[in-house]
Amino acid sequence: MKQKILSGSLRLALVVGVLGLVSVPPLRAQDDTAEKKDEPVAVEQPAVSRTPSAESGDEDEGHDRPRGSDVVMVGNDFVLKEDEVAKDVVVVSGSATINGRVEGDLVVVGGLAKVSGRVDGEMTVVLGSATLEPNSEIKRDVTVIGGTLTRAPGSKIGGTPHVVSRFGILPKFESLQTYLVHGLMQARPIAPQVGWVWIVVGICLLVYLLIAVLFPHPIQACVDTLEKRPVSSFFMGVLLFVLIAPLTILLVVSVVGIAVIPFLFCAMVVAFLFGKVAVYRFAGTQLGRQFNLPTFQLPLVAFLVGALIFCLLYTIPLLGFLVWCAIIPFGMGAATLAAFGGLRREGNGKATLAPAVAGTAAVSAPASSGPPVMQSAPSPTEFISMPRAGFWLRTCATVLDVLLFVFVLIVTGPKVLLFWFVYHVAMWAWKGTTVGGIVFGIKLVRTDGRAVDVGVALVRAAAAIFSALVLGLGFFWAGWNREKQSWHDKIAGTVMVKVPRGVPLL
């Protein structure tokens, strides 16, 4: 598409639509007849000028013809009569009917454009359709994005017509225009007048319901966090939104951190979904407690009741937008705090060695008290019986490795992702762990009890690429699987275990 699409008038229309400006006050007509005191000046439409009489002809160079004024309309329709002249015309969330003459450009966003007169500049319609009546004339290009262009016989286009269709994906512009007027412009997420909005709401509720059914324990942890630490949850959610941009920039600058960005945004999406479910369920539970209704306190019933309450709130102008914006940091903050709480419990859990190792240590322990003696490194078979390292513990170890590797790359200069691959293969084959794993006390072992060699490390590192390609689902699998195995763990036949304190990893 040519750069003409983003003309000055189109940029003006988009700025006006984003800022949500109201219609500008009508300007006073510039016609000489409007100066007379005995003739009232119309105020329903923005001021336009009257064209010269037919006797004077249609000469573009005539200096006596009065100039038109700019017209900007938001949320209202605009009609330019046959004997009127306007300069640039911009209509947002409304339709434009041009029977007279537009000296500049005509831009319509989210509405219909019907021209039976003349436009001396360009005509641009976004999320709407354009109709050119017989004897209409557009001096320059005509651009229609997300709609159709209908030309009657006898209509003229001096430039080139450009039409970018919806490809059958986007909703019809009439419904989108209705949502802009009755939804976004009234600051509410749900516009009851628009049918497709309720379809979207139904799909979202179905997704939330599946999450509530499939992950009851994480949702319960988020609800408990909301009940015990509501203020901390809110500020944690705000902190997430504040830090996400600089953290992303840091990862992009480091180059090697680019591989972490998809996982970061996947984690944000998971926190958003789990947080919304937790907020809905928390609201339903609190309502059941206030009115002493035990049925409302059941997990799924509480979720459905809370979702219904918030959907009703979303339909209220202004309040709906405020409520929608408020529950997002509450929910995401609660999900983050609950995840860190689970990580803390997982890290503080007392990992024990295999019974054989414990028995050997008990027999060999001296009867007299004295300084603790560090245990010798267990064999690979003994490592297998140790507790599994969960998703969050492994994630924190990986983040620490990423930060360390970013620092090394900034100092040394090379920015090659191959070093990240070689680093993990070498560390896994050497000691079965990385620097982050040493800090958090986790170790990679094989499920058959044998030591991790270079071949197994290579297979696991290569399979990790596959786990990353599916939006990181292979990594998240370690949080859902009973054995705490990711996809690349299953392929390589490995598992991450928590090593007890005092057991050397190097």
Protein backbone atom coordinates (compact mmCIF):
# COMPACT_ATOMS: atom_id res chain seq x y z
CA MET A 1 0.00 0.00 0.00
CA LYS A 2 1.34 3.40 -0.91
CA GLN A 3 2.30 5.90 1.72
CA LYS A 4 -0.54 8.09 0.55
CA ILE A 5 -2.84 6.09 2.80
CA LEU A 6 -1.23 7.68 5.81
CA SER A 7 -1.92 11.19 4.65
CA GLY A 8 -2.18 14.17 6.93
CA SER A 9 -5.94 13.89 7.17
CA LEU A 10 -5.83 10.20 8.06
CA ARG A 11 -3.29 10.81 10.81
CA LEU A 12 -5.54 13.57 12.12
CA ALA A 13 -8.49 11.16 12.15
CA LEU A 14 -6.62 8.48 14.04
CA VAL A 15 -5.36 10.99 16.63
CA VAL A 16 -8.86 12.31 17.14
CA GLY A 17 -10.23 8.77 17.50
CA VAL A 18 -7.61 7.78 20.07
CA LEU A 19 -8.01 10.88 22.20
CA GLY A 20 -11.77 10.48 22.16
CA LEU A 21 -12.46 14.10 21.41
CA VAL A 22 -16.00 15.34 21.31
CA SER A 23 -17.37 17.08 18.30
CA VAL A 24 -15.91 20.50 17.85
CA PRO A 25 -18.21 23.45 18.38
CA PRO A 26 -19.81 24.63 15.18
CA LEU A 27 -17.97 27.38 13.40
CA ARG A 28 -19.72 30.42 12.01
CA ALA A 29 -20.48 30.32 8.34
CA GLN A 30 -18.16 32.37 6.16
CA ASP A 31 -20.79 33.32 3.66
CA ASP A 32 -21.54 36.99 3.34
CA THR A 33 -25.22 36.35 3.89
CA ALA A 34 -24.45 34.97 7.39
CA GLU A 35 -23.26 38.44 8.42
CA LYS A 36 -26.75 39.82 8.24
CA LYS A 37 -28.41 40.22 11.63
CA ASP A 38 -31.86 39.32 10.40
CA GLU A 39 -30.74 35.82 9.28
CA PRO A 40 -29.91 33.26 12.01
CA VAL A 41 -26.81 31.14 11.79
CA ALA A 42 -27.35 27.37 11.92
CA VAL A 43 -25.51 25.60 14.72
CA GLU A 44 -26.38 21.94 14.10
CA GLN A 45 -23.53 21.36 11.63
CA PRO A 46 -19.94 22.57 11.51
CA ALA A 47 -19.79 25.69 9.44
CA VAL A 48 -19.41 25.36 5.72
CA SER A 49 -19.45 27.93 2.95
CA ARG A 50 -22.03 28.39 0.27
CA THR A 51 -20.95 27.78 -3.30
CA PRO A 52 -21.40 30.49 -5.90
CA SER A 53 -24.59 30.47 -7.89
CA ALA A 54 -24.77 28.46 -11.04
CA GLU A 55 -24.57 31.66 -13.08
CA SER A 56 -21.00 32.24 -11.99
CA GLY A 57 -19.88 28.83 -13.24
CA ASP A 58 -17.59 26.27 -11.57
CA GLU A 59 -14.19 27.90 -11.88
CA ASP A 60 -11.55 26.53 -9.51
CA GLU A 61 -9.45 29.64 -9.90
CA GLY A 62 -12.16 32.10 -9.04
CA HIS A 63 -10.94 34.45 -6.29
CA ASP A 64 -14.44 35.56 -5.33
CA ARG A 65 -15.58 32.08 -4.27
CA PRO A 66 -15.55 31.82 -0.44
CA ARG A 67 -13.25 29.23 1.11
CA GLY A 68 -14.62 26.34 3.18
CA SER A 69 -13.73 25.44 6.77
CA ASP A 70 -12.28 22.25 8.24
CA VAL A 71 -14.86 19.83 9.66
CA VAL A 72 -14.13 17.33 12.44
CA MET A 73 -16.96 15.15 13.75
CA VAL A 74 -16.67 12.37 16.38
CA GLY A 75 -19.59 10.08 17.12
CA ASN A 76 -22.02 12.00 14.84
CA ASP A 77 -22.97 11.90 11.18
CA PHE A 78 -22.10 14.74 8.84
CA VAL A 79 -24.04 15.96 5.80
CA LEU A 80 -22.63 18.46 3.33
CA LYS A 81 -25.46 19.98 1.27
CA GLU A 82 -25.31 20.67 -2.45
CA ASP A 83 -24.67 24.41 -2.15
CA GLU A 84 -22.07 24.08 0.62
CA VAL A 85 -18.26 23.98 0.56
CA ALA A 86 -15.94 22.48 3.17
CA LYS A 87 -12.18 22.18 3.34
CA ASP A 88 -10.86 18.99 5.00
CA VAL A 89 -13.60 16.71 6.41
CA VAL A 90 -12.78 14.13 9.12
CA VAL A 91 -15.56 11.95 10.59
CA VAL A 92 -14.82 9.36 13.31
CA SER A 93 -17.47 6.84 14.41
CA GLY A 94 -20.03 8.39 12.12
CA SER A 95 -21.09 8.54 8.48
CA ALA A 96 -20.41 11.28 5.96
CA THR A 97 -22.76 12.28 3.14
CA ILE A 98 -21.14 14.66 0.66
CA ASN A 99 -23.57 16.34 -1.70
CA GLY A 100 -21.56 19.53 -2.03
CA ARG A 101 -17.86 20.16 -2.51
CA VAL A 102 -14.87 19.23 -0.33
CA GLU A 103 -11.82 21.28 -1.26
CA GLY A 104 -9.35 19.09 0.64
CA ASP A 105 -9.41 15.49 1.81
CA LEU A 106 -12.32 13.37 3.06
CA VAL A 107 -11.53 10.87 5.84
CA VAL A 108 -14.10 8.58 7.51
CA VAL A 109 -13.12 6.15 10.30
CA GLY A 110 -15.66 3.59 11.46
CA GLY A 111 -18.54 4.72 9.28
CA LEU A 112 -20.02 5.03 5.79
CA ALA A 113 -18.98 7.55 3.17
CA LYS A 114 -21.51 8.48 0.48
CA VAL A 115 -20.43 10.99 -2.14
CA SER A 116 -22.67 12.49 -4.79
CA GLY A 117 -20.72 15.76 -5.02
CA ARG A 118 -17.05 16.50 -5.46
CA VAL A 119 -13.85 15.93 -3.44
CA ASP A 120 -10.79 17.81 -4.67
CA GLY A 121 -8.30 15.81 -2.57
CA GLU A 122 -8.08 12.20 -1.44
CA MET A 123 -10.86 10.08 -0.01
CA THR A 124 -9.95 7.57 2.76
CA VAL A 125 -12.37 5.24 4.57
CA VAL A 126 -11.14 3.00 7.42
CA LEU A 127 -13.36 0.21 8.81
CA GLY A 128 -16.21 1.34 6.64
CA SER A 129 -17.43 1.37 3.06
CA ALA A 130 -17.59 4.04 0.38
CA THR A 131 -20.32 4.68 -2.18
CA LEU A 132 -19.83 6.95 -5.21
CA GLU A 133 -23.10 8.16 -6.72
CA PRO A 134 -23.58 9.11 -10.38
CA ASN A 135 -21.84 12.38 -11.36
CA SER A 136 -19.64 12.24 -8.20
CA GLU A 137 -15.98 13.10 -8.65
CA ILE A 138 -12.88 12.35 -6.57
CA LYS A 139 -9.88 14.25 -7.92
CA ARG A 140 -7.20 12.06 -6.34
CA ASP A 141 -6.87 8.55 -4.82
CA VAL A 142 -9.64 6.61 -3.08
CA THR A 143 -8.57 4.23 -0.27
CA VAL A 144 -10.94 1.86 1.56
CA ILE A 145 -9.56 -0.30 4.41
CA GLY A 146 -11.76 -2.99 5.92
CA GLY A 147 -14.77 -2.35 3.69
CA THR A 148 -16.00 -2.11 0.11
CA LEU A 149 -16.02 0.50 -2.63
CA THR A 150 -19.21 0.85 -4.69
CA ARG A 151 -19.06 2.97 -7.87
CA ALA A 152 -22.12 3.97 -9.82
CA PRO A 153 -21.92 4.60 -13.57
CA GLY A 154 -20.82 8.15 -14.20
CA SER A 155 -18.67 8.49 -11.08
CA LYS A 156 -15.10 9.67 -11.60
CA ILE A 157 -11.86 8.94 -9.74
CA GLY A 158 -8.86 11.02 -10.81
CA GLY A 159 -6.31 8.90 -8.95
CA THR A 160 -6.08 5.20 -8.12
CA PRO A 161 -8.61 3.25 -6.05
CA HIS A 162 -7.17 1.07 -3.25
CA VAL A 163 -9.38 -1.46 -1.45
CA VAL A 164 -8.11 -3.61 1.47
CA SER A 165 -10.85 -6.08 2.40
CA ARG A 166 -11.53 -7.73 5.76
CA PHE A 167 -10.68 -11.21 4.38
CA GLY A 168 -13.73 -12.49 6.23
CA ILE A 169 -11.98 -12.27 9.61
CA LEU A 170 -12.96 -8.94 11.13
CA PRO A 171 -16.54 -8.18 12.15
CA LYS A 172 -18.62 -6.02 9.88
CA PHE A 173 -17.85 -2.35 10.13
CA GLU A 174 -21.41 -1.54 11.19
CA SER A 175 -21.03 -3.66 14.33
CA LEU A 176 -17.55 -2.29 14.98
CA GLN A 177 -18.86 1.25 14.59
CA THR A 178 -21.63 0.48 17.08
CA TYR A 179 -19.07 -0.90 19.52
CA LEU A 180 -16.88 2.19 19.13
CA VAL A 181 -19.79 4.49 19.89
CA HIS A 182 -21.55 2.48 22.61
CA GLY A 183 -18.53 0.65 24.03
CA LEU A 184 -15.14 2.33 23.86
CA MET A 185 -16.42 5.91 23.72
CA GLN A 186 -18.51 5.22 26.82
CA ALA A 187 -15.54 3.56 28.57
CA ARG A 188 -17.03 0.12 29.05
CA PRO A 189 -15.64 -3.20 27.76
CA ILE A 190 -19.05 -4.74 27.02
CA ALA A 191 -21.55 -2.93 24.79
CA PRO A 192 -24.90 -4.73 25.19
CA GLN A 193 -26.09 -3.51 21.77
CA VAL A 194 -23.40 -5.47 19.87
CA GLY A 195 -24.06 -9.16 19.36
CA TRP A 196 -20.51 -10.31 18.52
CA VAL A 197 -19.25 -8.85 21.81
CA TRP A 198 -21.35 -11.40 23.71
CA ILE A 199 -19.81 -14.16 21.58
CA VAL A 200 -16.35 -12.98 22.63
CA VAL A 201 -17.49 -12.82 26.26
CA GLY A 202 -18.83 -16.39 26.02
CA ILE A 203 -15.56 -17.69 24.59
CA CYS A 204 -13.54 -15.97 27.32
CA LEU A 205 -15.79 -17.38 30.05
CA LEU A 206 -15.43 -20.86 28.57
CA VAL A 207 -11.63 -20.55 28.65
CA TYR A 208 -11.76 -19.30 32.25
CA LEU A 209 -14.06 -22.17 33.22
CA LEU A 210 -11.67 -24.75 31.74
CA ILE A 211 -8.79 -23.22 33.70
CA ALA A 212 -10.86 -23.34 36.90
CA VAL A 213 -11.65 -27.03 36.31
CA LEU A 214 -8.20 -28.16 35.19
CA PHE A 215 -6.11 -26.23 37.72
CA PRO A 216 -8.07 -26.10 40.99
CA HIS A 217 -5.05 -26.03 43.32
CA PRO A 218 -3.20 -23.10 41.64
CA ILE A 219 -6.48 -21.15 41.47
CA GLN A 220 -7.11 -21.85 45.16
CA ALA A 221 -3.61 -20.57 45.96
CA CYS A 222 -4.36 -17.35 44.04
CA VAL A 223 -7.68 -16.92 45.86
CA ASP A 224 -5.98 -17.41 49.23
CA THR A 225 -3.40 -14.79 48.28
CA LEU A 226 -6.13 -12.32 47.33
CA GLU A 227 -7.86 -12.88 50.66
CA LYS A 228 -4.73 -12.59 52.80
CA ARG A 229 -2.66 -10.05 50.85
CA PRO A 230 -4.94 -7.89 48.66
CA VAL A 231 -2.80 -4.74 48.82
CA SER A 232 0.41 -6.62 48.07
CA SER A 233 -1.31 -8.35 45.15
CA PHE A 234 -2.36 -5.04 43.62
CA PHE A 235 1.06 -3.42 43.87
CA MET A 236 2.77 -6.56 42.62
CA GLY A 237 0.54 -6.44 39.53
CA VAL A 238 1.37 -2.78 38.98
CA LEU A 239 5.07 -3.60 39.37
CA LEU A 240 4.80 -6.26 36.68
CA PHE A 241 3.45 -3.75 34.16
CA VAL A 242 6.15 -1.23 35.12
CA LEU A 243 9.04 -3.68 34.74
CA ILE A 244 7.93 -5.64 31.68
CA ALA A 245 9.06 -2.97 29.17
CA PRO A 246 12.60 -2.32 30.52
CA LEU A 247 13.16 -6.04 31.08
CA THR A 248 12.17 -6.78 27.49
CA ILE A 249 14.50 -4.06 26.20
CA LEU A 250 17.36 -5.49 28.27
CA LEU A 251 16.78 -8.96 26.86
CA VAL A 252 16.66 -7.62 23.29
CA VAL A 253 19.88 -5.65 23.74
CA SER A 254 21.66 -8.71 25.08
CA VAL A 255 20.64 -10.71 21.93
CA VAL A 256 20.93 -14.02 23.77
CA GLY A 257 18.04 -12.97 25.96
CA ILE A 258 15.74 -12.81 22.94
CA ALA A 259 15.09 -16.53 23.40
CA VAL A 260 13.66 -15.77 26.85
CA ILE A 261 11.17 -13.13 25.65
CA PRO A 262 8.52 -15.63 24.43
CA PHE A 263 8.60 -17.39 27.81
CA LEU A 264 8.32 -14.05 29.58
CA PHE A 265 5.19 -13.10 27.67
CA CYS A 266 3.76 -16.60 28.03
CA ALA A 267 4.21 -16.25 31.79
CA MET A 268 2.40 -12.90 31.66
CA VAL A 269 -0.49 -14.47 29.73
CA VAL A 270 -0.72 -17.33 32.21
CA ALA A 271 -0.69 -14.88 35.13
CA PHE A 272 -3.44 -12.84 33.43
CA LEU A 273 -5.71 -15.85 32.83
CA PHE A 274 -5.19 -17.41 36.25
CA GLY A 275 -5.57 -14.01 37.90
CA LYS A 276 -8.90 -13.28 36.20
CA VAL A 277 -10.27 -16.67 37.25
CA ALA A 278 -9.07 -16.11 40.82
CA VAL A 279 -10.69 -12.65 41.03
CA TYR A 280 -14.02 -13.96 39.74
CA ARG A 281 -13.98 -16.87 42.15
CA PHE A 282 -12.90 -14.65 45.06
CA ALA A 283 -15.81 -12.26 44.39
CA GLY A 284 -18.34 -15.11 44.27
CA THR A 285 -16.95 -16.63 47.47
CA GLN A 286 -17.14 -13.33 49.33
CA LEU A 287 -20.74 -12.84 48.20
CA GLY A 288 -21.65 -16.28 49.50
CA ARG A 289 -20.05 -15.53 52.85
CA GLN A 290 -21.77 -12.17 53.24
CA PHE A 291 -25.23 -13.61 52.61
CA ASN A 292 -24.46 -16.94 54.32
CA LEU A 293 -25.05 -18.96 51.14
CA PRO A 294 -22.96 -22.16 51.27
CA THR A 295 -23.76 -23.01 47.66
CA PHE A 296 -22.15 -19.81 46.43
CA GLN A 297 -18.93 -20.79 48.22
CA LEU A 298 -18.43 -23.90 46.10
CA PRO A 299 -15.43 -23.31 43.76
CA LEU A 300 -17.17 -23.52 40.38
CA VAL A 301 -20.38 -21.86 41.58
CA ALA A 302 -18.37 -19.04 43.13
CA PHE A 303 -16.50 -18.56 39.85
CA LEU A 304 -19.71 -18.41 37.79
CA VAL A 305 -21.36 -15.99 40.21
CA GLY A 306 -18.31 -13.74 40.26
CA ALA A 307 -18.03 -13.79 36.48
CA LEU A 308 -21.69 -12.80 36.17
CA ILE A 309 -21.23 -9.90 38.59
CA PHE A 310 -18.23 -8.53 36.73
CA CYS A 311 -19.87 -8.94 33.32
CA LEU A 312 -22.74 -6.79 34.56
CA LEU A 313 -20.29 -4.22 35.89
CA TYR A 314 -18.50 -4.17 32.52
CA THR A 315 -21.69 -2.92 30.84
CA ILE A 316 -21.88 0.25 32.99
CA PRO A 317 -20.32 3.31 31.27
CA LEU A 318 -17.05 4.50 32.81
CA LEU A 319 -17.39 2.20 35.82
CA GLY A 320 -16.96 -0.84 33.57
CA PHE A 321 -13.61 0.40 32.27
CA LEU A 322 -12.38 1.28 35.77
CA VAL A 323 -13.35 -2.14 37.14
CA TRP A 324 -11.75 -3.95 34.20
CA CYS A 325 -8.49 -2.02 34.66
CA ALA A 326 -8.48 -2.56 38.44
CA ILE A 327 -8.91 -6.34 38.54
CA ILE A 328 -6.05 -6.99 36.10
CA PRO A 329 -3.24 -5.94 38.50
CA PHE A 330 -5.10 -7.59 41.40
CA GLY A 331 -5.32 -10.90 39.54
CA MET A 332 -1.83 -10.90 38.00
CA GLY A 333 -0.27 -9.80 41.29
CA ALA A 334 -2.05 -12.56 43.20
CA ALA A 335 -0.97 -15.17 40.64
CA THR A 336 2.65 -13.98 40.87
CA LEU A 337 2.70 -13.96 44.68
CA ALA A 338 1.09 -17.40 44.75
CA ALA A 339 3.74 -18.70 42.35
CA PHE A 340 6.54 -17.28 44.48
CA GLY A 341 4.88 -18.75 47.56
CA GLY A 342 4.86 -22.17 45.94
CA LEU A 343 8.48 -21.68 44.91
CA ARG A 344 9.43 -20.79 48.47
CA ARG A 345 7.68 -23.85 49.87
CA GLU A 346 9.29 -25.98 47.20
CA GLY A 347 12.74 -24.61 47.96
CA ASN A 348 12.31 -24.94 51.72
CA GLY A 349 10.97 -28.50 51.51
CA LYS A 350 13.33 -30.89 53.23
CA ALA A 351 14.74 -33.18 50.60
CA THR A 352 15.94 -36.53 51.88
CA LEU A 353 18.39 -38.96 50.48
CA ALA A 354 17.53 -42.52 49.56
CA PRO A 355 16.92 -44.86 52.51
CA ALA A 356 20.16 -46.70 51.79
CA VAL A 357 22.17 -43.50 51.88
CA ALA A 358 20.45 -42.34 55.05
CA GLY A 359 21.07 -45.70 56.72
CA THR A 360 24.73 -45.65 55.78
CA ALA A 361 25.12 -42.14 57.14
CA ALA A 362 23.44 -43.15 60.41
CA VAL A 363 25.74 -46.15 60.90
CA SER A 364 28.88 -44.21 60.10
CA ALA A 365 27.96 -41.19 62.22
CA PRO A 366 30.16 -40.82 65.31
CA ALA A 367 28.49 -41.18 68.71
CA SER A 368 30.10 -38.09 70.10
CA SER A 369 28.90 -34.66 69.06
CA GLY A 370 31.21 -32.60 66.96
CA PRO A 371 31.35 -30.34 63.91
CA PRO A 372 29.13 -31.51 61.05
CA VAL A 373 30.90 -33.51 58.41
CA MET A 374 29.94 -32.83 54.78
CA GLN A 375 28.46 -35.86 53.12
CA SER A 376 30.17 -37.39 50.13
CA ALA A 377 28.57 -36.98 46.72
CA PRO A 378 25.85 -39.60 46.18
CA SER A 379 25.99 -41.95 43.25
CA PRO A 380 23.72 -41.41 40.22
CA THR A 381 21.44 -44.18 41.47
CA GLU A 382 21.01 -42.40 44.81
CA PHE A 383 20.23 -39.08 43.08
CA ILE A 384 17.23 -40.66 41.34
CA SER A 385 15.38 -41.16 44.63
CA MET A 386 15.59 -37.48 45.57
CA PRO A 387 12.52 -35.21 45.36
CA ARG A 388 11.79 -33.71 41.97
CA ALA A 389 12.52 -30.06 41.23
CA GLY A 390 9.36 -28.24 40.19
CA PHE A 391 8.71 -25.73 37.42
CA TRP A 392 9.27 -22.51 39.38
CA LEU A 393 12.52 -23.69 40.97
CA ARG A 394 13.84 -24.62 37.53
CA THR A 395 12.66 -21.33 36.08
CA CYS A 396 14.50 -19.28 38.71
CA ALA A 397 17.67 -21.25 38.05
CA THR A 398 17.31 -20.58 34.32
CA VAL A 399 16.74 -16.85 34.88
CA LEU A 400 19.90 -16.71 36.97
CA ASP A 401 21.82 -18.45 34.16
CA VAL A 402 20.41 -15.94 31.66
CA LEU A 403 21.46 -12.93 33.76
CA LEU A 404 24.93 -14.41 34.23
CA PHE A 405 25.26 -15.14 30.53
CA VAL A 406 24.06 -11.64 29.58
CA PHE A 407 26.71 -10.14 31.83
CA VAL A 408 29.41 -12.33 30.24
CA LEU A 409 28.34 -11.36 26.73
CA ILE A 410 28.31 -7.65 27.57
CA VAL A 411 31.83 -7.91 28.97
CA THR A 412 33.36 -10.17 26.32
CA GLY A 413 31.55 -8.90 23.27
CA PRO A 414 30.41 -12.00 21.28
CA LYS A 415 26.68 -12.29 20.87
CA VAL A 416 26.15 -15.81 19.51
CA LEU A 417 23.32 -18.04 20.69
CA LEU A 418 25.58 -21.05 20.12
CA PHE A 419 27.43 -20.21 23.34
CA TRP A 420 24.21 -20.66 25.29
CA PHE A 421 23.77 -24.12 23.78
CA VAL A 422 27.40 -25.14 24.43
CA TYR A 423 27.28 -23.79 27.98
CA HIS A 424 24.37 -26.06 28.96
CA VAL A 425 25.73 -29.14 27.19
CA ALA A 426 29.13 -28.74 28.86
CA MET A 427 27.73 -28.10 32.35
CA TRP A 428 25.21 -30.95 32.16
CA ALA A 429 27.81 -33.42 30.91
CA TRP A 430 30.37 -32.27 33.50
CA LYS A 431 28.37 -31.94 36.72
CA GLY A 432 24.72 -32.33 35.73
CA THR A 433 23.85 -28.76 36.67
CA THR A 434 24.50 -25.12 35.80
CA VAL A 435 25.45 -22.07 37.84
CA GLY A 436 21.78 -21.33 38.49
CA GLY A 437 21.21 -24.96 39.42
CA ILE A 438 24.05 -24.82 41.95
CA VAL A 439 22.53 -21.74 43.60
CA PHE A 440 19.06 -23.29 43.85
CA GLY A 441 20.26 -26.80 44.60
CA ILE A 442 18.95 -28.74 41.62
CA LYS A 443 20.67 -31.38 39.48
CA LEU A 444 19.99 -33.16 36.21
CA VAL A 445 20.01 -36.98 36.43
CA ARG A 446 18.97 -39.82 34.15
CA THR A 447 15.90 -41.85 34.95
CA ASP A 448 17.82 -45.12 34.52
CA GLY A 449 20.31 -44.15 37.23
CA ARG A 450 23.32 -43.73 34.96
CA ALA A 451 25.45 -40.59 34.77
CA VAL A 452 24.61 -37.82 32.29
CA ASP A 453 27.12 -37.91 29.42
CA VAL A 454 27.72 -35.64 26.44
CA GLY A 455 25.28 -37.54 24.21
CA VAL A 456 22.40 -37.21 26.65
CA ALA A 457 23.23 -33.54 27.22
CA LEU A 458 23.20 -32.89 23.46
CA VAL A 459 19.86 -34.65 23.02
CA ARG A 460 18.29 -32.69 25.88
CA ALA A 461 19.63 -29.35 24.64
CA ALA A 462 18.40 -30.02 21.08
CA ALA A 463 15.01 -31.18 22.34
CA ALA A 464 14.71 -27.99 24.40
CA ILE A 465 14.54 -26.09 21.11
CA PHE A 466 11.43 -28.09 20.21
CA SER A 467 9.90 -27.31 23.63
CA ALA A 468 10.50 -23.62 22.95
CA LEU A 469 8.99 -23.58 19.47
CA VAL A 470 5.47 -24.38 20.74
CA LEU A 471 5.22 -21.13 22.74
CA GLY A 472 7.19 -22.70 25.57
CA LEU A 473 4.55 -25.35 26.26
CA GLY A 474 7.26 -27.98 26.61
CA PHE A 475 8.82 -26.05 29.49
CA PHE A 476 5.50 -25.41 31.25
CA TRP A 477 4.83 -29.15 31.09
CA ALA A 478 7.21 -29.60 34.03
CA GLY A 479 4.69 -27.79 36.21
CA TRP A 480 1.81 -30.10 35.23
CA ASN A 481 3.53 -33.47 34.95
CA ARG A 482 3.58 -35.69 38.04
CA GLU A 483 7.28 -36.50 37.56
CA LYS A 484 8.09 -32.80 36.94
CA GLN A 485 9.46 -33.64 33.50
CA SER A 486 9.44 -31.22 30.59
CA TRP A 487 9.15 -32.46 27.02
CA HIS A 488 12.91 -32.42 26.50
CA ASP A 489 13.30 -34.34 29.77
CA LYS A 490 11.04 -37.06 28.45
CA ILE A 491 12.91 -37.19 25.15
CA ALA A 492 16.33 -37.39 26.80
CA GLY A 493 15.21 -39.64 29.66
CA THR A 494 16.23 -37.16 32.36
CA VAL A 495 14.70 -35.47 35.39
CA MET A 496 15.60 -32.56 37.66
CA VAL A 497 15.94 -33.34 41.38
CA LYS A 498 16.36 -31.22 44.51
CA VAL A 499 19.62 -31.92 46.27
CA PRO A 500 19.68 -31.76 50.09
CA ARG A 501 21.76 -29.13 51.78
CA GLY A 502 25.28 -30.28 52.47
CA VAL A 503 25.49 -32.55 49.46
CA PRO A 504 28.12 -31.16 47.07
CA LEU A 505 27.11 -30.46 43.47
CA LEU A 506 30.63 -29.90 42.17
